[in-house]
Amino acid sequence: MSDSAKVGEIVALLQERADRGDSIVETVKAVGDVVGVDVR
């Protein structure tokens, strides 16, 4: 996946989670999954 595709996916993910009212911790973990970073 290209960097720009990752950025687009992360932005969409952030918007979706903000709409649902997810906690910042859950959001960071989800973004970590997309980028391939293990966030504890």
C-alpha atoms as a PDB file:
ATOM      1  CA  MET A   1       0.000   0.000   0.000  1.00  0.00           C
ATOM      2  CA  SER A   2       1.348   3.408  -0.927  1.00  0.00           C
ATOM      3  CA  ASP A   3       1.865   6.083   1.713  1.00  0.00           C
ATOM      4  CA  SER A   4      -0.904   8.253   0.300  1.00  0.00           C
ATOM      5  CA  ALA A   5      -3.310   5.304   0.404  1.00  0.00           C
ATOM      6  CA  LYS A   6      -2.377   4.723   4.038  1.00  0.00           C
ATOM      7  CA  VAL A   7      -2.957   8.386   4.870  1.00  0.00           C
ATOM      8  CA  GLY A   8      -6.351   8.290   3.185  1.00  0.00           C
ATOM      9  CA  GLU A   9      -7.303   5.165   5.098  1.00  0.00           C
ATOM     10  CA  ILE A  10      -6.147   6.675   8.405  1.00  0.00           C
ATOM     11  CA  VAL A  11      -8.118   9.879   7.811  1.00  0.00           C
ATOM     12  CA  ALA A  12     -11.259   7.870   6.982  1.00  0.00           C
ATOM     13  CA  LEU A  13     -10.687   5.748  10.080  1.00  0.00           C
ATOM     14  CA  LEU A  14     -10.269   8.786  12.322  1.00  0.00           C
ATOM     15  CA  GLN A  15     -13.458  10.372  10.988  1.00  0.00           C
ATOM     16  CA  GLU A  16     -15.415   7.149  11.409  1.00  0.00           C
ATOM     17  CA  ARG A  17     -14.219   6.674  14.981  1.00  0.00           C
ATOM     18  CA  ALA A  18     -14.846  10.303  15.883  1.00  0.00           C
ATOM     19  CA  ASP A  19     -18.411   9.909  14.602  1.00  0.00           C
ATOM     20  CA  ARG A  20     -18.861   6.837  16.812  1.00  0.00           C
ATOM     21  CA  GLY A  21     -17.260   8.606  19.766  1.00  0.00           C
ATOM     22  CA  ASP A  22     -14.495   6.031  20.267  1.00  0.00           C
ATOM     23  CA  SER A  23     -11.805   6.754  22.826  1.00  0.00           C
ATOM     24  CA  ILE A  24      -8.472   8.163  21.662  1.00  0.00           C
ATOM     25  CA  VAL A  25      -6.716   4.997  22.872  1.00  0.00           C
ATOM     26  CA  GLU A  26      -8.841   2.770  20.643  1.00  0.00           C
ATOM     27  CA  THR A  27      -8.341   5.149  17.729  1.00  0.00           C
ATOM     28  CA  VAL A  28      -4.546   5.153  18.124  1.00  0.00           C
ATOM     29  CA  LYS A  29      -4.511   1.345  18.219  1.00  0.00           C
ATOM     30  CA  ALA A  30      -6.610   1.206  15.048  1.00  0.00           C
ATOM     31  CA  VAL A  31      -4.304   3.665  13.274  1.00  0.00           C
ATOM     32  CA  GLY A  32      -1.328   1.591  14.427  1.00  0.00           C
ATOM     33  CA  ASP A  33      -2.913  -1.458  12.814  1.00  0.00           C
ATOM     34  CA  VAL A  34      -3.281   0.376   9.505  1.00  0.00           C
ATOM     35  CA  VAL A  35       0.301   1.652   9.529  1.00  0.00           C
ATOM     36  CA  GLY A  36       1.660  -1.684  10.727  1.00  0.00           C
ATOM     37  CA  VAL A  37       2.972  -0.319  14.025  1.00  0.00           C
ATOM     38  CA  ASP A  38       2.375  -2.285  17.197  1.00  0.00           C
ATOM     39  CA  VAL A  39       0.876   0.241  19.612  1.00  0.00           C
ATOM     40  CA  ARG A  40       0.510  -0.952  23.204  1.00  0.00           C
END
